[in-house]
Protein backbone atom coordinates (compact mmCIF):
# COMPACT_ATOMS: atom_id res chain seq x y z
CA MET A 1 0.00 0.00 0.00
CA SER A 2 2.68 2.50 1.02
CA ILE A 3 4.94 1.70 -1.92
CA SER A 4 2.12 2.24 -4.42
CA ALA A 5 1.15 5.50 -2.69
CA LEU A 6 4.78 6.59 -2.88
CA ASN A 7 4.89 5.79 -6.60
CA THR A 8 1.60 7.61 -7.17
CA GLY A 9 2.87 10.72 -5.39
CA LEU A 10 6.18 10.68 -7.28
CA SER A 11 4.49 10.27 -10.66
CA GLY A 12 2.17 13.17 -9.80
CA MET A 13 5.12 15.37 -8.83
CA LYS A 14 6.91 14.58 -12.11
CA ALA A 15 3.77 15.20 -14.19
CA TYR A 16 2.94 18.50 -12.51
CA GLN A 17 6.55 19.67 -12.79
CA SER A 18 6.46 18.99 -16.56
CA ALA A 19 3.16 20.86 -16.83
CA LEU A 20 4.62 23.81 -14.88
CA ASP A 21 7.61 23.84 -17.23
CA SER A 22 5.27 23.98 -20.23
CA SER A 23 3.24 26.81 -18.67
CA SER A 24 6.36 28.84 -17.85
CA HIS A 25 7.58 28.33 -21.43
CA ALA A 26 4.28 29.71 -22.74
CA VAL A 27 4.43 32.76 -20.46
CA ALA A 28 8.06 33.42 -21.38
CA ASN A 29 7.12 33.42 -25.07
CA ALA A 30 3.87 35.38 -24.71
CA SER A 31 5.26 38.27 -26.76
CA THR A 32 6.79 36.05 -29.46
CA SER A 33 5.08 36.40 -32.84
CA ASN A 34 3.19 33.31 -34.04
CA PHE A 35 4.06 31.36 -30.87
CA LYS A 36 1.83 28.34 -30.30
CA PRO A 37 1.70 27.19 -26.66
CA GLN A 38 1.92 23.50 -25.91
CA GLN A 39 -1.18 21.54 -24.97
CA VAL A 40 -1.00 19.73 -21.62
CA ARG A 41 -3.11 16.64 -20.97
CA PHE A 42 -2.93 14.44 -17.88
CA GLN A 43 -3.52 10.71 -18.19
CA GLU A 44 -3.99 8.08 -15.51
CA THR A 45 -1.67 5.09 -15.64
CA GLY A 46 -2.69 1.51 -14.96
CA THR A 47 -0.66 1.46 -11.74
CA GLY A 48 -2.53 4.37 -10.16
CA GLY A 49 -0.08 7.08 -11.14
CA VAL A 50 -0.37 9.89 -13.61
CA ILE A 51 1.58 10.97 -16.67
CA VAL A 52 1.38 14.14 -18.67
CA ASN A 53 1.22 14.35 -22.45
CA ILE A 54 2.56 17.61 -23.84
CA SER A 55 1.91 18.27 -27.52
CA GLN A 56 2.53 21.13 -29.90
CA ASP A 57 -0.67 20.56 -31.91
CA GLY A 58 -2.56 23.51 -30.39
CA SER A 59 -4.14 26.02 -32.72
CA LEU A 60 -3.05 29.64 -32.69
CA ALA A 61 -5.58 31.62 -30.67
CA SER A 62 -5.35 34.90 -32.54
CA LYS A 63 -7.74 37.74 -31.82
CA LEU A 64 -8.65 39.07 -35.24
CA ASP A 65 -10.17 42.45 -35.88
CA PRO A 66 -13.65 41.76 -37.36
CA ALA A 67 -13.29 44.79 -39.65
CA ASN A 68 -10.02 43.46 -41.09
CA PRO A 69 -9.54 39.76 -40.33
CA ASN A 70 -6.40 39.48 -42.46
CA SER A 71 -4.42 42.27 -40.80
CA PRO A 72 -0.73 41.25 -40.57
CA ALA A 73 -0.27 42.66 -37.06
CA GLU A 74 -3.12 40.56 -35.71
CA MET A 75 -1.97 37.39 -37.49
CA GLN A 76 1.44 37.62 -35.79
CA GLN A 77 0.14 37.65 -32.22
CA SER A 78 1.17 34.99 -29.79
CA GLY A 79 -1.30 32.22 -29.06
CA THR A 80 -0.62 32.45 -25.32
CA ASP A 81 -3.60 33.35 -23.15
CA LEU A 82 -1.91 34.78 -20.06
CA GLU A 83 -5.02 34.54 -17.89
CA ALA A 84 -5.42 30.85 -18.68
CA GLU A 85 -1.71 30.25 -18.08
CA VAL A 86 -1.89 31.86 -14.62
CA VAL A 87 -4.86 29.67 -13.68
CA SER A 88 -3.13 26.57 -15.07
CA ALA A 89 0.10 27.37 -13.23
CA LEU A 90 -1.80 27.67 -9.95
CA GLN A 91 -3.54 24.35 -10.58
CA TYR A 92 -0.22 22.66 -11.43
CA LYS A 93 1.44 24.12 -8.33
CA ASN A 94 -1.37 22.87 -6.10
CA GLY A 95 -1.26 19.47 -7.78
CA PHE A 96 2.49 19.30 -7.16
CA ASP A 97 1.98 20.27 -3.50
CA PHE A 98 -0.73 17.62 -3.02
CA SER A 99 1.49 14.99 -4.66
CA ALA A 100 4.35 15.99 -2.33
CA ARG A 101 2.00 15.51 0.63
CA ILE A 102 1.17 12.02 -0.62
CA VAL A 103 4.91 11.25 -0.75
CA LYS A 104 5.41 12.56 2.79
CA THR A 105 2.47 10.53 4.09
CA ALA A 106 3.66 7.37 2.32
CA ASP A 107 7.14 7.94 3.75
CA ALA A 108 5.72 8.26 7.26
CA MET A 109 3.64 5.12 6.79
CA LEU A 110 6.67 3.16 5.58
CA GLY A 111 8.67 4.44 8.56
CA THR A 112 5.95 3.25 10.91
CA LEU A 113 5.82 -0.15 9.24
CA ILE A 114 9.59 -0.51 9.50
CA ASP A 115 9.50 0.50 13.18
CA ILE A 116 6.76 -2.08 13.86
CA ARG A 117 8.73 -4.83 12.10
CA SER A 118 11.98 -4.09 13.98
């Protein structure tokens, strides 16, 4: 039980760290023309852990002027939505923190089990 909880917590920490890296990359390139942020998707593993799939297949979220939809300045905007990235970063941070708590709890449980067996 404790070993699987430890593995679940560690996989969550790794997945959320990768997602945070992707979010920080998007924020850092928010002013880059034609930048397409990566898409982050979490997936449950068969062993109870989690992995993250990061892909570059996202569509450019440009805000076109309805009066002139083909304006070159508008077509070169970054696809990064800063508000969404801030919310995502907070979610990833909290997910990382919760996963770290799972690791700490599993560590304490293993320590107790070892103390009982000794």
